[in-house]
Amino acid sequence: MTELTGRPGFAAPRAGRTATRRRVVALEMIATGTLAVSLIVAATAVSMGERSFARGHIGGPAAAQMPLPRQ
């Protein structure tokens, strides 16, 4: 049986609340860091893609060698 705390009700002991809060804070920090890294990766990919389109390297070297279809 669990140990009685002398407090009526269904509230968890204080020690359990601080451990839970620390877990939540740790998960929030991990999620924030992951979001920051993914935003940096996405911004890098977009900037590289814009440079590629501006230079005309849309399809790479294979697309430049393909003949145009006759009309």
N, C-alpha and C. Protein backbone atom coordinates (compact mmCIF):
# COMPACT_ATOMS: atom_id res chain seq x y z
N MET A 1 0.84 -1.17 0.00
CA MET A 1 0.00 0.00 0.00
C MET A 1 0.89 1.24 0.00
N THR A 2 0.39 2.32 -0.56
CA THR A 2 1.19 3.53 -0.62
C THR A 2 1.25 4.23 0.73
N GLU A 3 2.29 5.00 0.91
CA GLU A 3 2.49 5.73 2.16
C GLU A 3 1.57 6.94 2.21
N LEU A 4 0.95 7.17 3.36
CA LEU A 4 0.06 8.31 3.52
C LEU A 4 0.87 9.58 3.73
N THR A 5 0.42 10.67 3.10
CA THR A 5 1.15 11.93 3.20
C THR A 5 0.53 12.88 4.21
N GLY A 6 -0.66 12.61 4.69
CA GLY A 6 -1.31 13.49 5.62
C GLY A 6 -2.12 14.59 4.94
N ARG A 7 -2.14 14.60 3.61
CA ARG A 7 -2.91 15.58 2.85
C ARG A 7 -4.07 14.87 2.16
N PRO A 8 -5.29 15.37 2.35
CA PRO A 8 -6.42 14.73 1.68
C PRO A 8 -6.45 15.08 0.20
N GLY A 9 -7.09 14.24 -0.57
CA GLY A 9 -7.24 14.52 -2.00
C GLY A 9 -6.40 13.59 -2.85
N PHE A 10 -6.37 13.89 -4.15
CA PHE A 10 -5.67 13.02 -5.09
C PHE A 10 -4.43 13.67 -5.69
N ALA A 11 -3.94 14.74 -5.08
CA ALA A 11 -2.77 15.43 -5.62
C ALA A 11 -1.52 14.57 -5.45
N ALA A 12 -0.65 14.64 -6.44
CA ALA A 12 0.60 13.90 -6.38
C ALA A 12 1.55 14.59 -5.41
N PRO A 13 2.50 13.86 -4.85
CA PRO A 13 3.47 14.49 -3.97
C PRO A 13 4.31 15.52 -4.74
N ARG A 14 4.88 16.45 -4.03
CA ARG A 14 5.66 17.52 -4.66
C ARG A 14 6.86 16.99 -5.44
N ALA A 15 7.52 15.99 -4.94
CA ALA A 15 8.70 15.44 -5.61
C ALA A 15 8.32 14.91 -7.00
N GLY A 16 7.17 14.30 -7.10
CA GLY A 16 6.72 13.78 -8.39
C GLY A 16 6.42 14.89 -9.37
N ARG A 17 5.92 16.01 -8.89
CA ARG A 17 5.60 17.14 -9.77
C ARG A 17 6.86 17.77 -10.33
N THR A 18 7.90 17.91 -9.53
CA THR A 18 9.12 18.54 -10.03
C THR A 18 9.81 17.64 -11.04
N ALA A 19 9.78 16.34 -10.82
CA ALA A 19 10.40 15.42 -11.79
C ALA A 19 9.63 15.45 -13.10
N THR A 20 8.31 15.50 -13.02
CA THR A 20 7.50 15.56 -14.23
C THR A 20 7.74 16.87 -14.96
N ARG A 21 7.82 17.95 -14.22
CA ARG A 21 8.06 19.26 -14.84
C ARG A 21 9.41 19.29 -15.52
N ARG A 22 10.42 18.68 -14.91
CA ARG A 22 11.74 18.64 -15.54
C ARG A 22 11.70 17.85 -16.83
N ARG A 23 10.95 16.75 -16.85
CA ARG A 23 10.82 15.97 -18.08
C ARG A 23 10.16 16.77 -19.18
N VAL A 24 9.12 17.51 -18.80
CA VAL A 24 8.40 18.31 -19.78
C VAL A 24 9.30 19.40 -20.34
N VAL A 25 10.06 20.06 -19.47
CA VAL A 25 10.97 21.11 -19.90
C VAL A 25 12.05 20.53 -20.82
N ALA A 26 12.56 19.35 -20.48
CA ALA A 26 13.58 18.71 -21.32
C ALA A 26 13.02 18.38 -22.70
N LEU A 27 11.80 17.85 -22.74
CA LEU A 27 11.19 17.54 -24.04
C LEU A 27 10.93 18.81 -24.86
N GLU A 28 10.52 19.89 -24.19
CA GLU A 28 10.30 21.14 -24.90
C GLU A 28 11.60 21.69 -25.47
N MET A 29 12.69 21.57 -24.73
CA MET A 29 13.99 22.04 -25.22
C MET A 29 14.45 21.21 -26.42
N ILE A 30 14.25 19.91 -26.36
CA ILE A 30 14.62 19.05 -27.48
C ILE A 30 13.79 19.40 -28.71
N ALA A 31 12.50 19.62 -28.52
CA ALA A 31 11.63 19.97 -29.65
C ALA A 31 12.02 21.32 -30.24
N THR A 32 12.37 22.28 -29.39
CA THR A 32 12.78 23.59 -29.87
C THR A 32 14.08 23.50 -30.67
N GLY A 33 15.03 22.74 -30.16
CA GLY A 33 16.29 22.56 -30.88
C GLY A 33 16.10 21.86 -32.22
N THR A 34 15.26 20.85 -32.24
CA THR A 34 14.98 20.13 -33.48
C THR A 34 14.30 21.04 -34.50
N LEU A 35 13.37 21.86 -34.04
CA LEU A 35 12.71 22.80 -34.94
C LEU A 35 13.70 23.80 -35.51
N ALA A 36 14.60 24.31 -34.69
CA ALA A 36 15.60 25.27 -35.17
C ALA A 36 16.50 24.63 -36.23
N VAL A 37 16.94 23.41 -36.00
CA VAL A 37 17.79 22.72 -36.97
C VAL A 37 17.05 22.48 -38.27
N SER A 38 15.78 22.07 -38.19
CA SER A 38 15.03 21.81 -39.41
C SER A 38 14.78 23.10 -40.19
N LEU A 39 14.57 24.21 -39.51
CA LEU A 39 14.40 25.48 -40.21
C LEU A 39 15.69 25.90 -40.92
N ILE A 40 16.82 25.66 -40.30
CA ILE A 40 18.10 25.98 -40.94
C ILE A 40 18.31 25.11 -42.17
N VAL A 41 17.99 23.83 -42.08
CA VAL A 41 18.14 22.93 -43.23
C VAL A 41 17.20 23.34 -44.36
N ALA A 42 15.96 23.69 -44.03
CA ALA A 42 15.01 24.10 -45.06
C ALA A 42 15.45 25.40 -45.72
N ALA A 43 15.93 26.37 -44.95
CA ALA A 43 16.39 27.63 -45.53
C ALA A 43 17.59 27.41 -46.44
N THR A 44 18.48 26.51 -46.04
CA THR A 44 19.65 26.20 -46.88
C THR A 44 19.21 25.55 -48.19
N ALA A 45 18.28 24.62 -48.12
CA ALA A 45 17.81 23.94 -49.33
C ALA A 45 17.11 24.92 -50.27
N VAL A 46 16.33 25.83 -49.73
CA VAL A 46 15.63 26.81 -50.57
C VAL A 46 16.63 27.75 -51.22
N SER A 47 17.62 28.21 -50.47
CA SER A 47 18.59 29.14 -51.05
C SER A 47 19.44 28.45 -52.12
N MET A 48 19.76 27.19 -51.93
CA MET A 48 20.52 26.46 -52.96
C MET A 48 19.66 26.25 -54.20
N GLY A 49 18.39 25.98 -54.01
CA GLY A 49 17.49 25.79 -55.15
C GLY A 49 17.31 27.07 -55.94
N GLU A 50 17.22 28.21 -55.27
CA GLU A 50 17.08 29.48 -55.97
C GLU A 50 18.31 29.78 -56.80
N ARG A 51 19.48 29.50 -56.27
CA ARG A 51 20.71 29.72 -57.03
C ARG A 51 20.77 28.81 -58.24
N SER A 52 20.31 27.58 -58.09
CA SER A 52 20.33 26.63 -59.19
C SER A 52 19.40 27.07 -60.32
N PHE A 53 18.20 27.56 -59.98
CA PHE A 53 17.27 28.04 -60.99
C PHE A 53 17.80 29.29 -61.67
N ALA A 54 18.43 30.17 -60.93
CA ALA A 54 18.94 31.41 -61.50
C ALA A 54 20.06 31.15 -62.50
N ARG A 55 20.82 30.10 -62.31
CA ARG A 55 21.92 29.78 -63.22
C ARG A 55 21.47 28.89 -64.38
N GLY A 56 20.26 28.40 -64.33
CA GLY A 56 19.76 27.57 -65.42
C GLY A 56 20.04 26.10 -65.24
N HIS A 57 20.45 25.66 -64.08
CA HIS A 57 20.72 24.24 -63.83
C HIS A 57 19.47 23.58 -63.28
N ILE A 58 18.40 23.61 -64.03
CA ILE A 58 17.13 23.10 -63.52
C ILE A 58 17.15 21.58 -63.44
N GLY A 59 17.55 20.93 -64.47
CA GLY A 59 17.50 19.48 -64.49
C GLY A 59 18.84 18.82 -64.37
N GLY A 60 19.88 19.55 -64.24
CA GLY A 60 21.21 18.97 -64.17
C GLY A 60 21.78 18.77 -65.55
N PRO A 61 22.92 18.11 -65.66
CA PRO A 61 23.58 17.94 -66.96
C PRO A 61 22.82 17.04 -67.92
N ALA A 62 22.03 16.09 -67.45
CA ALA A 62 21.31 15.19 -68.35
C ALA A 62 20.21 15.94 -69.10
N ALA A 63 19.57 16.89 -68.46
CA ALA A 63 18.50 17.63 -69.11
C ALA A 63 19.04 18.55 -70.20
N ALA A 64 20.28 19.02 -70.06
CA ALA A 64 20.87 19.91 -71.06
C ALA A 64 21.21 19.16 -72.34
N GLN A 65 21.43 17.87 -72.27
CA GLN A 65 21.83 17.09 -73.44
C GLN A 65 20.65 16.50 -74.20
N MET A 66 19.46 16.57 -73.64
CA MET A 66 18.30 15.99 -74.31
C MET A 66 17.85 16.89 -75.47
N PRO A 67 17.55 16.29 -76.62
CA PRO A 67 17.08 17.12 -77.74
C PRO A 67 15.65 17.59 -77.50
N LEU A 68 15.30 18.70 -78.08
CA LEU A 68 13.95 19.22 -77.97
C LEU A 68 13.02 18.44 -78.89
N PRO A 69 11.79 18.21 -78.49
CA PRO A 69 10.85 17.47 -79.35
C PRO A 69 10.45 18.30 -80.57
N ARG A 70 10.27 17.64 -81.70
CA ARG A 70 9.88 18.33 -82.93
C ARG A 70 8.39 18.57 -82.94
N GLN A 71 8.01 19.70 -83.46
CA GLN A 71 6.58 20.04 -83.51
C GLN A 71 6.05 19.99 -84.92
